[in-house]
Amino acid sequence: LQTEQKRLDQQLLHIIAQHKALYDLNHDPHIVIDEGSTIELTLGDKHLHVYIGVALGALVHNDIHWQVISEISPLAQAIKGKKAGESFNFQGKKCQIIAVG
């Protein structure tokens, strides 16, 4: 029982830290991709919505499927500093940034 309580306490602390990290991000609209940006892009034949913040994985907000990624993730590093309309290659796939917010 104590082991389970410790595990739950650690999970709670992790969730609180993630919440704080998300809260502290600059949520103003972005023109250039950086931490706190929302990005719509194509990755090969996939259409993605991405938020750069803390790594939370997939979630749905307003019926849109989002990938919430860390700024140190490979995708975030590949798109950081880019703007809407730019193209790039990522892991051998052609990508296009459609919108940045």
C-alpha atoms as a PDB file:
ATOM      1  CA  LEU A   1       0.000   0.000   0.000  1.00  0.00           C
ATOM      2  CA  GLN A   2       2.838   2.429   0.813  1.00  0.00           C
ATOM      3  CA  THR A   3       4.527   1.674  -2.499  1.00  0.00           C
ATOM      4  CA  GLU A   4       1.314   2.472  -4.378  1.00  0.00           C
ATOM      5  CA  GLN A   5       0.896   5.715  -2.400  1.00  0.00           C
ATOM      6  CA  LYS A   6       4.472   6.764  -3.260  1.00  0.00           C
ATOM      7  CA  ARG A   7       3.850   6.010  -6.943  1.00  0.00           C
ATOM      8  CA  LEU A   8       0.639   8.060  -6.921  1.00  0.00           C
ATOM      9  CA  ASP A   9       2.390  10.917  -5.110  1.00  0.00           C
ATOM     10  CA  GLN A  10       5.120  10.936  -7.780  1.00  0.00           C
ATOM     11  CA  GLN A  11       2.519  10.952 -10.551  1.00  0.00           C
ATOM     12  CA  LEU A  12       0.723  13.867  -8.909  1.00  0.00           C
ATOM     13  CA  LEU A  13       3.961  15.855  -8.584  1.00  0.00           C
ATOM     14  CA  HIS A  14       4.716  15.164 -12.255  1.00  0.00           C
ATOM     15  CA  ILE A  15       1.252  16.362 -13.314  1.00  0.00           C
ATOM     16  CA  ILE A  16       1.585  19.513 -11.202  1.00  0.00           C
ATOM     17  CA  ALA A  17       4.989  20.242 -12.788  1.00  0.00           C
ATOM     18  CA  GLN A  18       3.544  19.743 -16.296  1.00  0.00           C
ATOM     19  CA  HIS A  19       0.602  22.020 -15.488  1.00  0.00           C
ATOM     20  CA  LYS A  20       2.976  24.726 -14.263  1.00  0.00           C
ATOM     21  CA  ALA A  21       5.153  24.372 -17.363  1.00  0.00           C
ATOM     22  CA  LEU A  22       2.110  24.751 -19.638  1.00  0.00           C
ATOM     23  CA  TYR A  23       0.784  27.686 -17.620  1.00  0.00           C
ATOM     24  CA  ASP A  24       4.140  29.489 -17.806  1.00  0.00           C
ATOM     25  CA  LEU A  25       4.373  29.295 -21.615  1.00  0.00           C
ATOM     26  CA  ASN A  26       3.844  32.347 -23.792  1.00  0.00           C
ATOM     27  CA  HIS A  27       0.375  31.739 -25.250  1.00  0.00           C
ATOM     28  CA  ASP A  28       0.362  34.816 -27.490  1.00  0.00           C
ATOM     29  CA  PRO A  29       0.083  34.004 -31.207  1.00  0.00           C
ATOM     30  CA  HIS A  30       3.415  33.264 -32.841  1.00  0.00           C
ATOM     31  CA  ILE A  31       4.678  34.081 -36.329  1.00  0.00           C
ATOM     32  CA  VAL A  32       7.933  32.173 -35.919  1.00  0.00           C
ATOM     33  CA  ILE A  33       7.750  28.684 -34.397  1.00  0.00           C
ATOM     34  CA  ASP A  34       8.992  28.494 -30.822  1.00  0.00           C
ATOM     35  CA  GLU A  35       7.891  27.079 -27.475  1.00  0.00           C
ATOM     36  CA  GLY A  36       4.173  27.804 -27.016  1.00  0.00           C
ATOM     37  CA  SER A  37       3.438  27.733 -30.756  1.00  0.00           C
ATOM     38  CA  THR A  38       0.537  25.915 -32.329  1.00  0.00           C
ATOM     39  CA  ILE A  39       1.436  24.520 -35.724  1.00  0.00           C
ATOM     40  CA  GLU A  40      -0.568  22.966 -38.523  1.00  0.00           C
ATOM     41  CA  LEU A  41       1.628  21.017 -40.919  1.00  0.00           C
ATOM     42  CA  THR A  42       1.931  18.126 -43.294  1.00  0.00           C
ATOM     43  CA  LEU A  43       4.441  15.412 -42.476  1.00  0.00           C
ATOM     44  CA  GLY A  44       4.717  13.204 -45.521  1.00  0.00           C
ATOM     45  CA  ASP A  45       1.104  12.238 -46.238  1.00  0.00           C
ATOM     46  CA  LYS A  46      -0.112  13.055 -42.700  1.00  0.00           C
ATOM     47  CA  HIS A  47      -1.853  16.265 -41.659  1.00  0.00           C
ATOM     48  CA  LEU A  48      -0.880  17.228 -38.077  1.00  0.00           C
ATOM     49  CA  HIS A  49      -1.713  19.808 -35.442  1.00  0.00           C
ATOM     50  CA  VAL A  50       1.167  20.268 -33.017  1.00  0.00           C
ATOM     51  CA  TYR A  51       1.628  22.276 -29.838  1.00  0.00           C
ATOM     52  CA  ILE A  52       5.151  22.816 -28.510  1.00  0.00           C
ATOM     53  CA  GLY A  53       5.163  22.794 -24.734  1.00  0.00           C
ATOM     54  CA  VAL A  54       5.662  19.770 -22.512  1.00  0.00           C
ATOM     55  CA  ALA A  55       5.504  16.231 -23.849  1.00  0.00           C
ATOM     56  CA  LEU A  56       1.935  15.125 -23.188  1.00  0.00           C
ATOM     57  CA  GLY A  57       1.417  13.109 -26.358  1.00  0.00           C
ATOM     58  CA  ALA A  58      -1.895  12.996 -28.191  1.00  0.00           C
ATOM     59  CA  LEU A  59      -5.000  14.823 -27.022  1.00  0.00           C
ATOM     60  CA  VAL A  60      -8.229  16.153 -28.508  1.00  0.00           C
ATOM     61  CA  HIS A  61      -9.331  19.768 -28.093  1.00  0.00           C
ATOM     62  CA  ASN A  62     -12.362  21.246 -29.913  1.00  0.00           C
ATOM     63  CA  ASP A  63     -12.575  18.074 -32.031  1.00  0.00           C
ATOM     64  CA  ILE A  64      -9.003  18.587 -33.301  1.00  0.00           C
ATOM     65  CA  HIS A  65      -6.402  15.908 -32.619  1.00  0.00           C
ATOM     66  CA  TRP A  66      -3.201  17.485 -31.292  1.00  0.00           C
ATOM     67  CA  GLN A  67       0.300  16.198 -30.669  1.00  0.00           C
ATOM     68  CA  VAL A  68       1.691  18.030 -27.651  1.00  0.00           C
ATOM     69  CA  ILE A  69       5.469  17.792 -27.847  1.00  0.00           C
ATOM     70  CA  SER A  70       8.458  19.005 -25.883  1.00  0.00           C
ATOM     71  CA  GLU A  71      10.658  21.741 -27.321  1.00  0.00           C
ATOM     72  CA  ILE A  72      13.571  19.288 -27.196  1.00  0.00           C
ATOM     73  CA  SER A  73      11.809  16.677 -29.329  1.00  0.00           C
ATOM     74  CA  PRO A  74      13.276  16.005 -32.782  1.00  0.00           C
ATOM     75  CA  LEU A  75      10.224  17.455 -34.557  1.00  0.00           C
ATOM     76  CA  ALA A  76      10.262  20.633 -32.451  1.00  0.00           C
ATOM     77  CA  GLN A  77      13.975  21.077 -33.143  1.00  0.00           C
ATOM     78  CA  ALA A  78      13.355  20.625 -36.881  1.00  0.00           C
ATOM     79  CA  ILE A  79      10.599  23.269 -37.079  1.00  0.00           C
ATOM     80  CA  LYS A  80      11.821  25.803 -34.521  1.00  0.00           C
ATOM     81  CA  GLY A  81      12.388  29.201 -36.159  1.00  0.00           C
ATOM     82  CA  LYS A  82      10.333  28.386 -39.262  1.00  0.00           C
ATOM     83  CA  LYS A  83       7.230  30.236 -40.507  1.00  0.00           C
ATOM     84  CA  ALA A  84       3.996  29.316 -42.271  1.00  0.00           C
ATOM     85  CA  GLY A  85       4.603  28.372 -45.882  1.00  0.00           C
ATOM     86  CA  GLU A  86       8.090  26.954 -45.342  1.00  0.00           C
ATOM     87  CA  SER A  87       8.970  23.419 -46.419  1.00  0.00           C
ATOM     88  CA  PHE A  88      11.571  21.094 -44.927  1.00  0.00           C
ATOM     89  CA  ASN A  89      12.536  17.444 -44.722  1.00  0.00           C
ATOM     90  CA  PHE A  90      12.120  15.485 -41.508  1.00  0.00           C
ATOM     91  CA  GLN A  91      13.231  11.879 -41.175  1.00  0.00           C
ATOM     92  CA  GLY A  92      13.184  11.471 -44.946  1.00  0.00           C
ATOM     93  CA  LYS A  93       9.692  12.947 -45.365  1.00  0.00           C
ATOM     94  CA  LYS A  94       8.760  16.183 -47.101  1.00  0.00           C
ATOM     95  CA  CYS A  95       6.956  18.543 -44.754  1.00  0.00           C
ATOM     96  CA  GLN A  96       5.068  21.816 -45.203  1.00  0.00           C
ATOM     97  CA  ILE A  97       4.142  24.283 -42.476  1.00  0.00           C
ATOM     98  CA  ILE A  98       0.576  25.394 -43.162  1.00  0.00           C
ATOM     99  CA  ALA A  99      -0.098  27.714 -40.225  1.00  0.00           C
ATOM    100  CA  VAL A 100       1.575  28.978 -37.053  1.00  0.00           C
ATOM    101  CA  GLY A 101      -0.251  30.475 -34.095  1.00  0.00           C
END
